[in-house]
Amino acid sequence: MTRASRAAVNELRFVAVGQDDPLAEPLLAELTVEYASRYGVAQGDVSKWLRGYPAAEFEAPGGGLLIGLLGEEPVTGGAFCRFDADTAELKRIWTNSRQRRQGHAKALLIELETEIAERGYRRIYLTTGDRQPEAEALYLSAGYTRLTEPLPAEGDVFPIAFVKALP
């Protein structure tokens, strides 16, 4: 279930995978450690929460999960799912801690936005936690608008929300 990227950035190429694909494992493992340490939650609880998300939500046609590879090493990744008929919601945006500040997250957002637009969505929504200033800066620099409060939704809603209209 992989596909070649539209354009490799600094040798970065993207592949579509399922949540249980081994290429997604570094994303889930590092997010577990990072979220647990930033928010003071047990790693086991975070891992259960991340891995317990319905994998079908990240599958076509409504969703997707992309991993950015340098060679064969996963260095960035993220997912999207349907929020409503016109809106995709970003989830699990990650860059390997040893590979940050090299433009990989921006390249990931561009790839996700392109895929989301091709699926017919007209906007992108996301929420993030209040202890992730790097994420806030990334979304603002990529043209996302911070909302005063998250949109009403079922399931997990985090305090900081962003939206971006697609062309």
C-alpha atoms as a PDB file:
ATOM      1  CA  MET A   1       0.000   0.000   0.000  1.00  0.00           C
ATOM      2  CA  THR A   2       2.866   2.365  -0.656  1.00  0.00           C
ATOM      3  CA  ARG A   3       3.125   5.069  -3.253  1.00  0.00           C
ATOM      4  CA  ALA A   4       5.873   7.291  -4.488  1.00  0.00           C
ATOM      5  CA  SER A   5       5.853  10.931  -3.452  1.00  0.00           C
ATOM      6  CA  ARG A   6       4.972  13.652  -5.915  1.00  0.00           C
ATOM      7  CA  ALA A   7       8.329  15.243  -5.178  1.00  0.00           C
ATOM      8  CA  ALA A   8      11.171  14.220  -2.906  1.00  0.00           C
ATOM      9  CA  VAL A   9      12.466  17.061  -0.727  1.00  0.00           C
ATOM     10  CA  ASN A  10      16.105  16.625   0.244  1.00  0.00           C
ATOM     11  CA  GLU A  11      15.753  12.944  -0.675  1.00  0.00           C
ATOM     12  CA  LEU A  12      12.657  12.685   1.513  1.00  0.00           C
ATOM     13  CA  ARG A  13      10.000  10.464  -0.049  1.00  0.00           C
ATOM     14  CA  PHE A  14       6.546   9.680   1.262  1.00  0.00           C
ATOM     15  CA  VAL A  15       4.699   6.390   1.405  1.00  0.00           C
ATOM     16  CA  ALA A  16       1.126   5.684   2.433  1.00  0.00           C
ATOM     17  CA  VAL A  17       0.876   3.011   5.109  1.00  0.00           C
ATOM     18  CA  GLY A  18      -1.607   1.559   7.547  1.00  0.00           C
ATOM     19  CA  GLN A  19      -1.438   2.288  11.275  1.00  0.00           C
ATOM     20  CA  ASP A  20      -0.082  -1.214  11.915  1.00  0.00           C
ATOM     21  CA  ASP A  21       2.648  -1.010   9.259  1.00  0.00           C
ATOM     22  CA  PRO A  22       6.179  -1.385  10.679  1.00  0.00           C
ATOM     23  CA  LEU A  23       7.101   1.959   9.063  1.00  0.00           C
ATOM     24  CA  ALA A  24       4.599   3.663  11.401  1.00  0.00           C
ATOM     25  CA  GLU A  25       6.128   2.104  14.519  1.00  0.00           C
ATOM     26  CA  PRO A  26       8.824   4.783  15.092  1.00  0.00           C
ATOM     27  CA  LEU A  27       6.107   7.467  14.876  1.00  0.00           C
ATOM     28  CA  LEU A  28       3.980   5.752  17.513  1.00  0.00           C
ATOM     29  CA  ALA A  29       6.943   4.870  19.742  1.00  0.00           C
ATOM     30  CA  GLU A  30       8.445   8.353  19.805  1.00  0.00           C
ATOM     31  CA  LEU A  31       5.079  10.101  20.172  1.00  0.00           C
ATOM     32  CA  THR A  32       4.414   7.842  23.164  1.00  0.00           C
ATOM     33  CA  VAL A  33       7.592   8.964  24.910  1.00  0.00           C
ATOM     34  CA  GLU A  34       7.196  12.617  23.946  1.00  0.00           C
ATOM     35  CA  TYR A  35       3.548  12.944  24.988  1.00  0.00           C
ATOM     36  CA  ALA A  36       4.164  11.056  28.235  1.00  0.00           C
ATOM     37  CA  SER A  37       7.083  13.297  29.205  1.00  0.00           C
ATOM     38  CA  ARG A  38       5.426  16.584  28.151  1.00  0.00           C
ATOM     39  CA  TYR A  39       2.103  15.862  29.812  1.00  0.00           C
ATOM     40  CA  GLY A  40       3.179  13.740  32.795  1.00  0.00           C
ATOM     41  CA  VAL A  41       1.205  10.664  31.736  1.00  0.00           C
ATOM     42  CA  ALA A  42       2.350   7.041  31.955  1.00  0.00           C
ATOM     43  CA  GLN A  43       3.868   5.777  28.701  1.00  0.00           C
ATOM     44  CA  GLY A  44       1.640   2.703  28.795  1.00  0.00           C
ATOM     45  CA  ASP A  45      -1.467   4.879  28.868  1.00  0.00           C
ATOM     46  CA  VAL A  46      -0.245   7.037  25.983  1.00  0.00           C
ATOM     47  CA  SER A  47       0.712   3.987  23.933  1.00  0.00           C
ATOM     48  CA  LYS A  48      -2.685   2.402  24.515  1.00  0.00           C
ATOM     49  CA  TRP A  49      -4.403   5.650  23.487  1.00  0.00           C
ATOM     50  CA  LEU A  50      -2.313   6.090  20.306  1.00  0.00           C
ATOM     51  CA  ARG A  51      -2.533   2.457  19.225  1.00  0.00           C
ATOM     52  CA  GLY A  52      -6.174   2.162  20.199  1.00  0.00           C
ATOM     53  CA  TYR A  53      -7.309   4.738  17.670  1.00  0.00           C
ATOM     54  CA  PRO A  54      -9.387   2.957  15.010  1.00  0.00           C
ATOM     55  CA  ALA A  55      -6.960   2.192  12.163  1.00  0.00           C
ATOM     56  CA  ALA A  56      -9.827   2.347   9.664  1.00  0.00           C
ATOM     57  CA  GLU A  57     -10.132   6.094  10.327  1.00  0.00           C
ATOM     58  CA  PHE A  58      -6.737   6.553   8.640  1.00  0.00           C
ATOM     59  CA  GLU A  59      -7.642   4.531   5.551  1.00  0.00           C
ATOM     60  CA  ALA A  60      -8.874   5.701   2.161  1.00  0.00           C
ATOM     61  CA  PRO A  61     -11.122   7.140   1.060  1.00  0.00           C
ATOM     62  CA  GLY A  62     -11.695   9.309   4.141  1.00  0.00           C
ATOM     63  CA  GLY A  63      -8.231   9.234   5.648  1.00  0.00           C
ATOM     64  CA  GLY A  64      -4.588   8.438   5.187  1.00  0.00           C
ATOM     65  CA  LEU A  65      -1.303   7.927   6.986  1.00  0.00           C
ATOM     66  CA  LEU A  66       1.931   9.070   5.354  1.00  0.00           C
ATOM     67  CA  ILE A  67       5.474   8.294   6.430  1.00  0.00           C
ATOM     68  CA  GLY A  68       8.421  10.321   5.143  1.00  0.00           C
ATOM     69  CA  LEU A  69      11.537   8.271   4.535  1.00  0.00           C
ATOM     70  CA  LEU A  70      15.180   9.206   4.148  1.00  0.00           C
ATOM     71  CA  GLY A  71      16.499   6.128   2.436  1.00  0.00           C
ATOM     72  CA  GLU A  72      14.590   3.459   4.330  1.00  0.00           C
ATOM     73  CA  GLU A  73      14.482   5.337   7.658  1.00  0.00           C
ATOM     74  CA  PRO A  74      11.155   6.822   8.799  1.00  0.00           C
ATOM     75  CA  VAL A  75      11.876  10.435   9.803  1.00  0.00           C
ATOM     76  CA  THR A  76       8.477  12.129   9.689  1.00  0.00           C
ATOM     77  CA  GLY A  77       4.862  11.139   9.438  1.00  0.00           C
ATOM     78  CA  GLY A  78       1.292  12.054  10.052  1.00  0.00           C
ATOM     79  CA  ALA A  79      -2.273  11.078   9.450  1.00  0.00           C
ATOM     80  CA  PHE A  80      -5.629  12.540   8.586  1.00  0.00           C
ATOM     81  CA  CYS A  81      -9.200  11.407   8.981  1.00  0.00           C
ATOM     82  CA  ARG A  82     -12.622  12.760   8.113  1.00  0.00           C
ATOM     83  CA  PHE A  83     -13.859  15.473  10.479  1.00  0.00           C
ATOM     84  CA  ASP A  84     -16.935  16.314   8.403  1.00  0.00           C
ATOM     85  CA  ALA A  85     -17.908  16.203   4.730  1.00  0.00           C
ATOM     86  CA  ASP A  86     -15.701  19.180   3.824  1.00  0.00           C
ATOM     87  CA  THR A  87     -13.000  18.919   6.487  1.00  0.00           C
ATOM     88  CA  ALA A  88     -10.087  16.565   7.136  1.00  0.00           C
ATOM     89  CA  GLU A  89      -8.500  16.456  10.585  1.00  0.00           C
ATOM     90  CA  LEU A  90      -4.744  16.096  10.994  1.00  0.00           C
ATOM     91  CA  LYS A  91      -3.504  13.596  13.574  1.00  0.00           C
ATOM     92  CA  ARG A  92      -0.176  12.173  14.759  1.00  0.00           C
ATOM     93  CA  ILE A  93       2.123  14.758  13.172  1.00  0.00           C
ATOM     94  CA  TRP A  94       5.661  13.679  14.046  1.00  0.00           C
ATOM     95  CA  THR A  95       9.299  14.190  13.118  1.00  0.00           C
ATOM     96  CA  ASN A  96      12.087  12.063  14.548  1.00  0.00           C
ATOM     97  CA  SER A  97      13.750  14.046  17.347  1.00  0.00           C
ATOM     98  CA  ARG A  98      17.170  13.550  15.692  1.00  0.00           C
ATOM     99  CA  GLN A  99      15.866  14.910  12.365  1.00  0.00           C
ATOM    100  CA  ARG A 100      14.066  18.073  13.431  1.00  0.00           C
ATOM    101  CA  ARG A 101      14.656  21.595  12.101  1.00  0.00           C
ATOM    102  CA  GLN A 102      15.443  20.322   8.612  1.00  0.00           C
ATOM    103  CA  GLY A 103      12.119  21.086   6.913  1.00  0.00           C
ATOM    104  CA  HIS A 104      10.721  17.562   7.123  1.00  0.00           C
ATOM    105  CA  ALA A 105       7.557  18.574   8.994  1.00  0.00           C
ATOM    106  CA  LYS A 106       6.788  21.322   6.475  1.00  0.00           C
ATOM    107  CA  ALA A 107       7.327  18.866   3.615  1.00  0.00           C
ATOM    108  CA  LEU A 108       4.995  16.439   5.407  1.00  0.00           C
ATOM    109  CA  LEU A 109       2.282  19.102   5.751  1.00  0.00           C
ATOM    110  CA  ILE A 110       2.543  19.934   2.048  1.00  0.00           C
ATOM    111  CA  GLU A 111       2.223  16.257   1.134  1.00  0.00           C
ATOM    112  CA  LEU A 112      -0.727  15.741   3.501  1.00  0.00           C
ATOM    113  CA  GLU A 113      -2.466  18.901   2.252  1.00  0.00           C
ATOM    114  CA  THR A 114      -2.070  17.755  -1.356  1.00  0.00           C
ATOM    115  CA  GLU A 115      -3.483  14.332  -0.555  1.00  0.00           C
ATOM    116  CA  ILE A 116      -6.338  15.855   1.432  1.00  0.00           C
ATOM    117  CA  ALA A 117      -7.245  18.233  -1.407  1.00  0.00           C
ATOM    118  CA  GLU A 118      -7.179  15.349  -3.897  1.00  0.00           C
ATOM    119  CA  ARG A 119      -9.713  13.537  -1.696  1.00  0.00           C
ATOM    120  CA  GLY A 120     -12.105  16.457  -2.133  1.00  0.00           C
ATOM    121  CA  TYR A 121     -11.804  18.125   1.241  1.00  0.00           C
ATOM    122  CA  ARG A 122     -11.944  21.939   1.303  1.00  0.00           C
ATOM    123  CA  ARG A 123     -10.328  22.608   4.660  1.00  0.00           C
ATOM    124  CA  ILE A 124      -8.084  21.077   7.297  1.00  0.00           C
ATOM    125  CA  TYR A 125      -8.630  21.165  11.040  1.00  0.00           C
ATOM    126  CA  LEU A 126      -6.435  20.049  13.918  1.00  0.00           C
ATOM    127  CA  THR A 127      -6.035  20.324  17.640  1.00  0.00           C
ATOM    128  CA  THR A 128      -2.857  20.086  19.666  1.00  0.00           C
ATOM    129  CA  GLY A 129      -1.884  20.211  23.302  1.00  0.00           C
ATOM    130  CA  ASP A 130      -0.800  23.282  25.204  1.00  0.00           C
ATOM    131  CA  ARG A 131       2.728  21.963  25.812  1.00  0.00           C
ATOM    132  CA  GLN A 132       3.762  21.754  22.165  1.00  0.00           C
ATOM    133  CA  PRO A 133       4.960  25.215  21.158  1.00  0.00           C
ATOM    134  CA  GLU A 134       6.940  23.749  18.248  1.00  0.00           C
ATOM    135  CA  ALA A 135       3.720  22.367  16.782  1.00  0.00           C
ATOM    136  CA  GLU A 136       1.982  25.724  17.181  1.00  0.00           C
ATOM    137  CA  ALA A 137       4.850  27.486  15.413  1.00  0.00           C
ATOM    138  CA  LEU A 138       4.831  24.923  12.580  1.00  0.00           C
ATOM    139  CA  TYR A 139       1.113  25.325  11.896  1.00  0.00           C
ATOM    140  CA  LEU A 140       1.239  29.121  12.018  1.00  0.00           C
ATOM    141  CA  SER A 141       4.224  29.162   9.642  1.00  0.00           C
ATOM    142  CA  ALA A 142       2.342  26.864   7.256  1.00  0.00           C
ATOM    143  CA  GLY A 143      -0.642  29.204   6.944  1.00  0.00           C
ATOM    144  CA  TYR A 144      -2.978  27.699   9.532  1.00  0.00           C
ATOM    145  CA  THR A 145      -5.203  30.050  11.541  1.00  0.00           C
ATOM    146  CA  ARG A 146      -5.476  29.547  15.275  1.00  0.00           C
ATOM    147  CA  LEU A 147      -9.068  29.342  16.505  1.00  0.00           C
ATOM    148  CA  THR A 148     -10.208  30.835  19.790  1.00  0.00           C
ATOM    149  CA  GLU A 149     -11.522  27.421  20.814  1.00  0.00           C
ATOM    150  CA  PRO A 150     -11.735  23.924  19.304  1.00  0.00           C
ATOM    151  CA  LEU A 151     -14.692  22.995  17.136  1.00  0.00           C
ATOM    152  CA  PRO A 152     -17.318  20.769  18.760  1.00  0.00           C
ATOM    153  CA  ALA A 153     -16.336  17.153  18.200  1.00  0.00           C
ATOM    154  CA  GLU A 154     -16.700  13.669  19.582  1.00  0.00           C
ATOM    155  CA  GLY A 155     -13.643  11.991  21.067  1.00  0.00           C
ATOM    156  CA  ASP A 156     -10.355  13.640  21.938  1.00  0.00           C
ATOM    157  CA  VAL A 157     -10.257  17.424  21.700  1.00  0.00           C
ATOM    158  CA  PHE A 158      -7.157  19.333  22.720  1.00  0.00           C
ATOM    159  CA  PRO A 159      -7.105  22.989  23.780  1.00  0.00           C
ATOM    160  CA  ILE A 160      -5.290  24.551  20.830  1.00  0.00           C
ATOM    161  CA  ALA A 161      -7.053  24.394  17.457  1.00  0.00           C
ATOM    162  CA  PHE A 162      -6.128  25.431  13.944  1.00  0.00           C
ATOM    163  CA  VAL A 163      -7.878  25.512  10.584  1.00  0.00           C
ATOM    164  CA  LYS A 164      -6.719  26.065   7.017  1.00  0.00           C
ATOM    165  CA  ALA A 165      -8.816  26.520   3.896  1.00  0.00           C
ATOM    166  CA  LEU A 166      -7.594  24.642   0.842  1.00  0.00           C
ATOM    167  CA  PRO A 167      -7.440  26.314  -2.568  1.00  0.00           C
END
